Amino acid sequence: MSLVGKQPTVALVHDWLNQLGGAENVLEALAAVFPQAPVYTSMYAPAQMPEAYRRWDIRTSFMQRLPGVTTHHQAYLPLYPLAFATTDLSGYDLVLSNKSGFCHGVRTQAKPGATKRAVHVCYCLTPTRYLWLFDQYRKREHLNGVLSALLQPVLALLRRWDWAAAQRVDHFIAISTTVQQRIQDIYGRTSVVIHPPVDTCFFTPHPETLPGDYFLIVSRLIPYKRIDLAVEALRHLPDQRLLIVGEGRDLAALQAQAPPNVTFLGRQPRTRVRELLQGCKAFLFPGLEDFGIAPVEAMACGRPVIAFGGGGALDTVAPGVTGLLFAEQSVACLLDALRQFTRERFDPVACRAQAERFSTENFHRKLRGYLATIDGGRLTVDD
């Protein structure tokens, strides 16, 4: 990256570093584009993150010193705005925040009226879900009514702070068209869509592997993933098989519900997940996600996807070409799609081509291209 007349400085910002998920996949891709950039975050648990992170310049807030914060970070919800609001990054040329929580609230101007100000680009995974979509979040996390009521005054204050912080961001990038609309509806801000990166170099078809006789799910086993829909649908298809990879708090309940043609494999190594994707007849994705990387990984392996037609799946799955979308999160709708799938033929080459649109290489290219268009063209990111 180059700025006219000087060496540019870049800071990356991330909500917290104590668990792995899609947000961390994005952070790793950003760190690959900006390998010298420090990563600012509220707190960091090295033992819970990949060893490669220990080579990064990770800078934490005062929250790092709070007892139990890396294992029970939700308990400190009211403190995250303060942690980021007191993080002064005005000395950088570019601040790139990777936000689903409060990290877009970092300071990019030293003080009101100061001439030195960083350009702040927010890569928005979603406007803070537990503030703006609380009913959805409450159901998803099984919060009881008493706790929900007690949280309301705090949430109201946090919503005001969150909205104000969003107005100070210079440019928003959304991970999907669904999130783009949410940014407009909640923050009143426009954004461009740059989909998250998918490792299509690792997830590839196997030339000697033909589609097997099983459907596949790879997921955390938690309520909003709606694995229960797939388990129940397979009860009505005794001649079909479903393999489920993953762990989570719903495991025991799902196992108790499952018919004999549903098998739980637990957590599997990444190489084994790839083998299962390469050999499945189709990948099932019954949940509602803002993007959803797993279906793209399946298509990268040349396999079609049967997904709920909402959220990120609307961007990633080409109906009738790389998979099927069902209209409602119900057993009946999923069952209809599964029965329809037996009459459909999907080209592995088309599935692979669709997945390559979301490759890490394309993510880097689109991000570089977008940064070159903002701030009067001052930001030009080199390969």
Protein backbone atom coordinates (compact mmCIF):
# COMPACT_ATOMS: atom_id res chain seq x y z
CA MET A 1 0.00 0.00 0.00
CA SER A 2 1.28 3.47 -0.72
CA LEU A 3 0.40 7.01 0.22
CA VAL A 4 1.75 10.01 -1.64
CA GLY A 5 4.95 11.24 -0.03
CA LYS A 6 5.12 8.94 3.00
CA GLN A 7 5.13 5.39 4.24
CA PRO A 8 1.56 4.49 5.23
CA THR A 9 0.57 3.11 8.60
CA VAL A 10 -2.31 0.68 9.09
CA ALA A 11 -4.07 -0.65 12.19
CA LEU A 12 -6.43 -3.63 12.30
CA VAL A 13 -9.16 -3.77 14.96
CA HIS A 14 -11.04 -6.87 16.14
CA ASP A 15 -13.63 -7.29 18.89
CA TRP A 16 -11.97 -10.05 20.92
CA LEU A 17 -9.56 -12.93 20.43
CA ASN A 18 -10.65 -15.86 22.56
CA GLN A 19 -12.51 -18.06 20.07
CA LEU A 20 -12.34 -19.14 16.45
CA GLY A 21 -15.07 -18.52 13.90
CA GLY A 22 -15.86 -16.75 10.68
CA ALA A 23 -14.75 -13.38 12.09
CA GLU A 24 -11.29 -14.77 12.74
CA ASN A 25 -11.11 -16.15 9.17
CA VAL A 26 -11.64 -12.60 7.96
CA LEU A 27 -9.04 -11.23 10.37
CA GLU A 28 -6.48 -13.71 9.10
CA ALA A 29 -7.16 -12.57 5.52
CA LEU A 30 -6.79 -8.91 6.55
CA ALA A 31 -3.55 -9.70 8.34
CA ALA A 32 -2.27 -11.34 5.15
CA VAL A 33 -2.92 -8.11 3.23
CA PHE A 34 -1.36 -5.98 5.99
CA PRO A 35 1.27 -8.22 7.63
CA GLN A 36 2.96 -5.34 9.45
CA ALA A 37 -0.23 -3.91 10.93
CA PRO A 38 -0.79 -4.26 14.68
CA VAL A 39 -4.07 -5.84 15.76
CA TYR A 40 -5.97 -3.90 18.43
CA THR A 41 -8.54 -5.85 20.43
CA SER A 42 -10.30 -5.81 23.79
CA MET A 43 -8.63 -8.99 25.09
CA TYR A 44 -6.62 -11.96 23.85
CA ALA A 45 -6.30 -15.57 25.04
CA PRO A 46 -3.22 -17.00 23.28
CA ALA A 47 -3.89 -20.57 24.40
CA GLN A 48 -7.33 -20.51 22.77
CA MET A 49 -6.13 -19.18 19.41
CA PRO A 50 -3.91 -20.60 16.64
CA GLU A 51 -0.19 -20.53 17.29
CA ALA A 52 0.31 -18.32 14.23
CA TYR A 53 -1.43 -15.48 16.08
CA ARG A 54 1.49 -15.32 18.51
CA ARG A 55 3.62 -13.90 15.72
CA TRP A 56 1.25 -10.97 15.32
CA ASP A 57 1.60 -7.63 17.09
CA ILE A 58 -1.56 -7.90 19.22
CA ARG A 59 -2.39 -4.97 21.50
CA THR A 60 -5.12 -5.33 24.11
CA SER A 61 -7.17 -2.88 26.16
CA PHE A 62 -7.54 -2.56 29.94
CA MET A 63 -10.03 -5.45 29.72
CA GLN A 64 -7.14 -7.89 29.39
CA ARG A 65 -6.58 -7.52 33.14
CA LEU A 66 -10.16 -8.29 34.17
CA PRO A 67 -10.69 -11.63 35.96
CA GLY A 68 -12.11 -14.36 33.77
CA VAL A 69 -12.61 -12.11 30.77
CA THR A 70 -11.15 -14.56 28.24
CA THR A 71 -13.48 -17.38 29.30
CA HIS A 72 -16.63 -15.36 30.15
CA HIS A 73 -16.37 -12.34 27.90
CA GLN A 74 -20.16 -11.87 27.62
CA ALA A 75 -20.35 -10.91 31.31
CA TYR A 76 -18.39 -7.74 30.59
CA LEU A 77 -20.75 -6.49 27.86
CA PRO A 78 -21.08 -2.88 29.16
CA LEU A 79 -17.30 -2.35 29.17
CA TYR A 80 -16.50 -3.00 25.49
CA PRO A 81 -17.57 0.47 24.30
CA LEU A 82 -15.24 2.06 26.86
CA ALA A 83 -12.38 -0.24 25.88
CA PHE A 84 -12.58 0.80 22.23
CA ALA A 85 -13.54 4.44 22.81
CA THR A 86 -10.31 4.89 24.77
CA THR A 87 -8.22 3.28 22.02
CA ASP A 88 -6.71 6.21 20.11
CA LEU A 89 -5.69 5.22 16.58
CA SER A 90 -5.66 8.72 15.10
CA GLY A 91 -1.94 8.44 14.38
CA TYR A 92 -2.48 5.83 11.67
CA ASP A 93 -3.29 6.51 8.04
CA LEU A 94 -5.83 3.68 7.78
CA VAL A 95 -7.86 1.91 10.46
CA LEU A 96 -9.61 -1.26 9.29
CA SER A 97 -12.07 -2.63 11.86
CA ASN A 98 -13.51 -6.14 11.61
CA LYS A 99 -16.74 -5.65 13.50
CA SER A 100 -19.63 -7.64 14.87
CA GLY A 101 -19.49 -6.00 18.30
CA PHE A 102 -18.10 -2.64 19.36
CA CYS A 103 -14.65 -2.36 17.79
CA HIS A 104 -15.83 0.23 15.25
CA GLY A 105 -15.88 2.66 18.19
CA VAL A 106 -12.11 3.24 18.26
CA ARG A 107 -10.94 6.85 18.16
CA THR A 108 -9.65 7.93 14.77
CA GLN A 109 -9.41 11.65 15.59
CA ALA A 110 -7.17 12.68 18.48
CA LYS A 111 -9.62 15.36 19.64
CA PRO A 112 -12.41 17.45 18.11
CA GLY A 113 -11.00 19.82 15.54
CA ALA A 114 -7.64 18.08 15.32
CA THR A 115 -6.18 17.91 11.83
CA LYS A 116 -4.69 14.41 12.20
CA ARG A 117 -7.33 11.82 11.51
CA ALA A 118 -7.15 8.22 10.33
CA VAL A 119 -9.39 6.96 7.54
CA HIS A 120 -11.66 4.38 9.16
CA VAL A 121 -13.04 1.54 7.02
CA CYS A 122 -15.33 -0.86 8.87
CA TYR A 123 -15.64 -4.41 7.53
CA CYS A 124 -19.04 -5.10 9.06
CA LEU A 125 -19.90 -8.70 9.80
CA THR A 126 -23.20 -7.40 11.18
CA PRO A 127 -24.49 -4.45 13.20
CA THR A 128 -24.17 -5.59 16.81
CA ARG A 129 -26.70 -8.42 16.89
CA TYR A 130 -27.54 -8.47 20.60
CA LEU A 131 -28.34 -4.74 20.48
CA TRP A 132 -30.39 -4.42 17.29
CA LEU A 133 -31.76 -7.94 16.83
CA PHE A 134 -32.21 -8.75 20.50
CA ASP A 135 -35.35 -10.88 20.17
CA GLN A 136 -33.61 -13.03 17.59
CA TYR A 137 -30.50 -13.20 19.79
CA ARG A 138 -32.54 -14.01 22.91
CA LYS A 139 -34.20 -16.98 21.23
CA ARG A 140 -30.92 -18.09 19.72
CA GLU A 141 -29.12 -18.03 23.08
CA HIS A 142 -32.11 -19.18 25.21
CA LEU A 143 -32.04 -16.13 27.51
CA ASN A 144 -34.82 -16.17 30.10
CA GLY A 145 -37.40 -13.42 30.40
CA VAL A 146 -36.09 -12.01 33.68
CA LEU A 147 -32.56 -11.56 32.37
CA SER A 148 -33.90 -10.07 29.15
CA ALA A 149 -35.93 -7.50 31.09
CA LEU A 150 -32.97 -6.57 33.31
CA LEU A 151 -30.79 -6.03 30.25
CA GLN A 152 -33.13 -3.58 28.52
CA PRO A 153 -31.86 -0.32 30.14
CA VAL A 154 -28.26 -1.33 29.44
CA LEU A 155 -29.06 -2.28 25.87
CA ALA A 156 -30.80 1.04 25.26
CA LEU A 157 -27.66 2.94 26.34
CA LEU A 158 -25.43 0.68 24.26
CA ARG A 159 -27.62 1.14 21.18
CA ARG A 160 -27.20 4.91 21.40
CA TRP A 161 -23.44 4.54 21.72
CA ASP A 162 -23.26 1.99 18.91
CA TRP A 163 -25.26 4.15 16.49
CA ALA A 164 -23.13 7.22 17.26
CA ALA A 165 -19.92 5.22 16.76
CA ALA A 166 -21.21 4.02 13.38
CA GLN A 167 -21.69 7.63 12.26
CA ARG A 168 -17.97 8.30 12.84
CA VAL A 169 -16.90 5.46 10.52
CA ASP A 170 -15.81 6.80 7.14
CA HIS A 171 -16.70 3.81 4.96
CA PHE A 172 -18.59 0.56 5.50
CA ILE A 173 -18.02 -2.79 3.79
CA ALA A 174 -20.76 -5.42 4.25
CA ILE A 175 -20.22 -9.18 4.08
CA SER A 176 -23.46 -9.86 2.19
CA THR A 177 -26.45 -8.10 0.68
CA THR A 178 -28.44 -9.01 3.81
CA VAL A 179 -25.93 -7.23 6.04
CA GLN A 180 -25.74 -4.33 3.59
CA GLN A 181 -29.48 -3.77 4.02
CA ARG A 182 -29.13 -4.09 7.80
CA ILE A 183 -26.40 -1.41 7.86
CA GLN A 184 -28.72 0.89 5.91
CA ASP A 185 -31.76 0.16 8.10
CA ILE A 186 -29.99 0.43 11.46
CA TYR A 187 -27.17 2.92 10.94
CA GLY A 188 -28.54 4.82 7.95
CA ARG A 189 -25.24 4.24 6.17
CA THR A 190 -24.44 3.01 2.68
CA SER A 191 -21.91 0.24 2.11
CA VAL A 192 -20.32 -1.92 -0.54
CA VAL A 193 -20.43 -5.71 -0.44
CA ILE A 194 -17.18 -7.66 -0.34
CA HIS A 195 -17.90 -11.25 0.61
CA PRO A 196 -15.67 -12.95 3.21
CA PRO A 197 -12.79 -15.13 1.99
CA VAL A 198 -13.12 -18.88 1.59
CA ASP A 199 -10.08 -21.15 1.38
CA THR A 200 -10.78 -22.59 -2.07
CA CYS A 201 -7.15 -23.67 -2.34
CA PHE A 202 -7.67 -26.18 0.47
CA PHE A 203 -11.26 -27.13 -0.29
CA THR A 204 -11.03 -28.66 -3.75
CA PRO A 205 -12.69 -31.53 -5.62
CA HIS A 206 -10.97 -34.91 -5.56
CA PRO A 207 -10.66 -36.22 -9.12
CA GLU A 208 -11.23 -39.82 -8.06
CA THR A 209 -14.04 -39.26 -5.54
CA LEU A 210 -17.58 -39.74 -6.77
CA PRO A 211 -20.67 -38.53 -4.88
CA GLY A 212 -21.49 -40.87 -2.03
CA ASP A 213 -24.83 -41.94 -0.61
CA TYR A 214 -25.03 -39.41 2.23
CA PHE A 215 -26.05 -35.84 2.89
CA LEU A 216 -23.66 -33.86 5.07
CA ILE A 217 -23.79 -31.10 7.71
CA VAL A 218 -20.70 -29.46 9.19
CA SER A 219 -21.72 -27.07 11.95
CA ARG A 220 -21.67 -26.09 15.57
CA LEU A 221 -24.63 -27.84 17.18
CA ILE A 222 -26.45 -24.86 18.65
CA PRO A 223 -30.12 -23.85 18.33
CA TYR A 224 -30.06 -21.22 15.59
CA LYS A 225 -28.23 -23.56 13.19
CA ARG A 226 -31.54 -25.49 12.96
CA ILE A 227 -29.91 -28.89 12.68
CA ASP A 228 -33.13 -30.22 14.21
CA LEU A 229 -34.92 -29.59 10.91
CA ALA A 230 -32.52 -31.84 9.02
CA VAL A 231 -32.62 -34.57 11.66
CA GLU A 232 -36.41 -34.64 11.62
CA ALA A 233 -36.59 -34.49 7.81
CA LEU A 234 -34.39 -37.60 7.57
CA ARG A 235 -36.90 -39.46 9.72
CA HIS A 236 -39.23 -39.25 6.73
CA LEU A 237 -36.52 -40.48 4.34
CA PRO A 238 -35.38 -43.80 5.84
CA ASP A 239 -33.57 -44.76 2.64
CA GLN A 240 -31.31 -41.68 2.88
CA ARG A 241 -28.31 -41.04 5.17
CA LEU A 242 -27.19 -37.89 6.97
CA LEU A 243 -23.76 -37.42 8.53
CA ILE A 244 -23.32 -34.55 11.00
CA VAL A 245 -19.88 -33.17 11.88
CA GLY A 246 -19.57 -30.87 14.87
CA GLU A 247 -20.08 -30.36 18.58
CA GLY A 248 -22.23 -28.09 20.69
CA ARG A 249 -24.76 -27.82 23.47
CA ASP A 250 -27.54 -29.31 21.32
CA LEU A 251 -25.68 -32.58 20.73
CA ALA A 252 -27.49 -34.70 23.35
CA ALA A 253 -30.94 -33.41 22.37
CA LEU A 254 -30.27 -33.98 18.67
CA GLN A 255 -28.96 -37.49 19.31
CA ALA A 256 -32.09 -38.31 21.30
CA GLN A 257 -34.24 -37.01 18.43
CA ALA A 258 -32.30 -38.68 15.62
CA PRO A 259 -33.53 -41.70 13.63
CA PRO A 260 -31.08 -44.54 12.81
CA ASN A 261 -30.11 -43.04 9.43
CA VAL A 262 -28.54 -39.96 11.07
CA THR A 263 -24.95 -40.34 12.33
CA PHE A 264 -23.05 -37.88 14.53
CA LEU A 265 -19.31 -37.82 13.90
CA GLY A 266 -18.29 -35.16 16.43
CA ARG A 267 -15.44 -32.77 15.71
CA GLN A 268 -13.26 -33.88 12.80
CA PRO A 269 -9.84 -32.74 11.52
CA ARG A 270 -9.95 -30.28 8.65
CA THR A 271 -8.58 -32.85 6.20
CA ARG A 272 -11.33 -35.30 7.16
CA VAL A 273 -13.97 -32.56 6.72
CA ARG A 274 -12.64 -32.00 3.21
CA GLU A 275 -12.89 -35.72 2.44
CA LEU A 276 -16.48 -35.81 3.67
CA LEU A 277 -17.37 -32.76 1.59
CA GLN A 278 -15.79 -34.30 -1.49
CA GLY A 279 -17.82 -37.47 -1.05
CA CYS A 280 -21.27 -36.19 -0.04
CA LYS A 281 -24.23 -36.11 -2.42
CA ALA A 282 -25.17 -32.64 -1.11
CA PHE A 283 -24.43 -30.30 1.77
CA LEU A 284 -27.36 -29.28 4.00
CA PHE A 285 -27.53 -25.76 5.44
CA PRO A 286 -30.84 -25.23 7.26
CA GLY A 287 -29.79 -22.23 9.42
CA LEU A 288 -29.93 -18.51 8.73
CA GLU A 289 -26.47 -16.94 8.51
CA ASP A 290 -25.24 -13.49 7.59
CA PHE A 291 -22.89 -15.18 5.11
CA GLY A 292 -22.12 -18.84 5.76
CA ILE A 293 -18.68 -20.15 4.77
CA ALA A 294 -19.43 -23.90 5.02
CA PRO A 295 -21.75 -24.04 1.97
CA VAL A 296 -19.10 -22.33 -0.15
CA GLU A 297 -16.51 -24.85 1.06
CA ALA A 298 -18.87 -27.62 -0.08
CA MET A 299 -19.26 -26.04 -3.52
CA ALA A 300 -15.49 -25.61 -3.69
CA CYS A 301 -15.32 -29.39 -3.36
CA GLY A 302 -17.71 -29.69 -6.30
CA ARG A 303 -20.81 -30.54 -4.27
CA PRO A 304 -24.22 -28.82 -4.38
CA VAL A 305 -25.94 -27.22 -1.41
CA ILE A 306 -29.50 -27.43 -0.08
CA ALA A 307 -29.95 -24.30 2.01
CA PHE A 308 -32.59 -22.15 3.63
CA GLY A 309 -33.23 -19.28 1.23
CA GLY A 310 -32.23 -16.38 3.44
CA GLY A 311 -29.18 -14.44 4.56
CA GLY A 312 -25.87 -15.17 2.91
CA ALA A 313 -27.15 -18.22 1.04
CA LEU A 314 -28.99 -15.81 -1.28
CA ASP A 315 -25.57 -14.52 -2.36
CA THR A 316 -23.70 -17.81 -2.52
CA VAL A 317 -26.03 -20.54 -3.82
CA ALA A 318 -27.23 -20.36 -7.44
CA PRO A 319 -30.64 -22.12 -7.38
CA GLY A 320 -30.88 -24.94 -9.88
CA VAL A 321 -27.20 -24.58 -10.78
CA THR A 322 -25.21 -25.14 -7.57
CA GLY A 323 -28.01 -26.19 -5.26
CA LEU A 324 -31.56 -25.66 -4.02
CA LEU A 325 -33.04 -23.05 -1.69
CA PHE A 326 -36.08 -23.82 0.46
CA ALA A 327 -38.39 -20.97 1.45
CA GLU A 328 -39.24 -21.66 5.10
CA GLN A 329 -37.32 -23.06 8.04
CA SER A 330 -39.67 -25.98 8.44
CA VAL A 331 -39.37 -29.73 8.18
CA ALA A 332 -41.95 -29.79 5.38
CA CYS A 333 -40.03 -27.28 3.21
CA LEU A 334 -36.68 -28.97 3.74
CA LEU A 335 -38.22 -32.37 3.08
CA ASP A 336 -39.66 -31.09 -0.19
CA ALA A 337 -36.22 -29.82 -1.23
CA LEU A 338 -34.59 -33.14 -0.35
CA ARG A 339 -37.14 -35.02 -2.43
CA GLN A 340 -36.75 -32.56 -5.30
CA PHE A 341 -32.97 -32.98 -5.12
CA THR A 342 -33.24 -36.61 -6.14
CA ARG A 343 -34.61 -35.40 -9.48
CA GLU A 344 -31.90 -32.77 -10.04
CA ARG A 345 -28.44 -33.07 -11.51
CA PHE A 346 -25.71 -30.59 -10.55
CA ASP A 347 -22.43 -30.12 -12.36
CA PRO A 348 -19.39 -30.23 -10.03
CA VAL A 349 -17.61 -27.84 -12.37
CA ALA A 350 -20.40 -25.27 -11.95
CA CYS A 351 -20.29 -25.70 -8.17
CA ARG A 352 -16.54 -25.17 -8.15
CA ALA A 353 -16.79 -22.11 -10.40
CA GLN A 354 -19.38 -20.55 -8.10
CA ALA A 355 -17.16 -21.12 -5.04
CA GLU A 356 -14.16 -19.52 -6.72
CA ARG A 357 -16.03 -16.21 -6.76
CA PHE A 358 -15.49 -16.19 -2.97
CA SER A 359 -11.83 -17.20 -2.90
CA THR A 360 -9.28 -15.54 -0.65
CA GLU A 361 -7.53 -14.25 -3.76
CA ASN A 362 -10.72 -12.51 -4.90
CA PHE A 363 -11.26 -11.10 -1.42
CA HIS A 364 -7.77 -9.57 -1.44
CA ARG A 365 -8.25 -8.21 -4.96
CA LYS A 366 -11.62 -6.63 -4.19
CA LEU A 367 -10.40 -5.13 -0.91
CA ARG A 368 -7.34 -3.61 -2.57
CA GLY A 369 -9.48 -2.28 -5.39
CA TYR A 370 -12.00 -0.73 -3.03
CA LEU A 371 -9.38 0.96 -0.85
CA ALA A 372 -7.89 2.50 -3.98
CA THR A 373 -11.20 4.25 -4.68
CA ILE A 374 -11.67 5.98 -1.32
CA ASP A 375 -10.18 9.03 0.34
CA GLY A 376 -9.50 10.77 -2.92
CA GLY A 377 -7.54 7.82 -4.24
CA ARG A 378 -4.77 8.22 -1.65
CA LEU A 379 -4.97 4.57 -0.61
CA THR A 380 -3.46 2.18 -3.13
CA VAL A 381 -2.80 -1.35 -1.93
CA ASP A 382 -0.07 -3.21 -3.78
CA ASP A 383 0.06 -7.01 -4.19
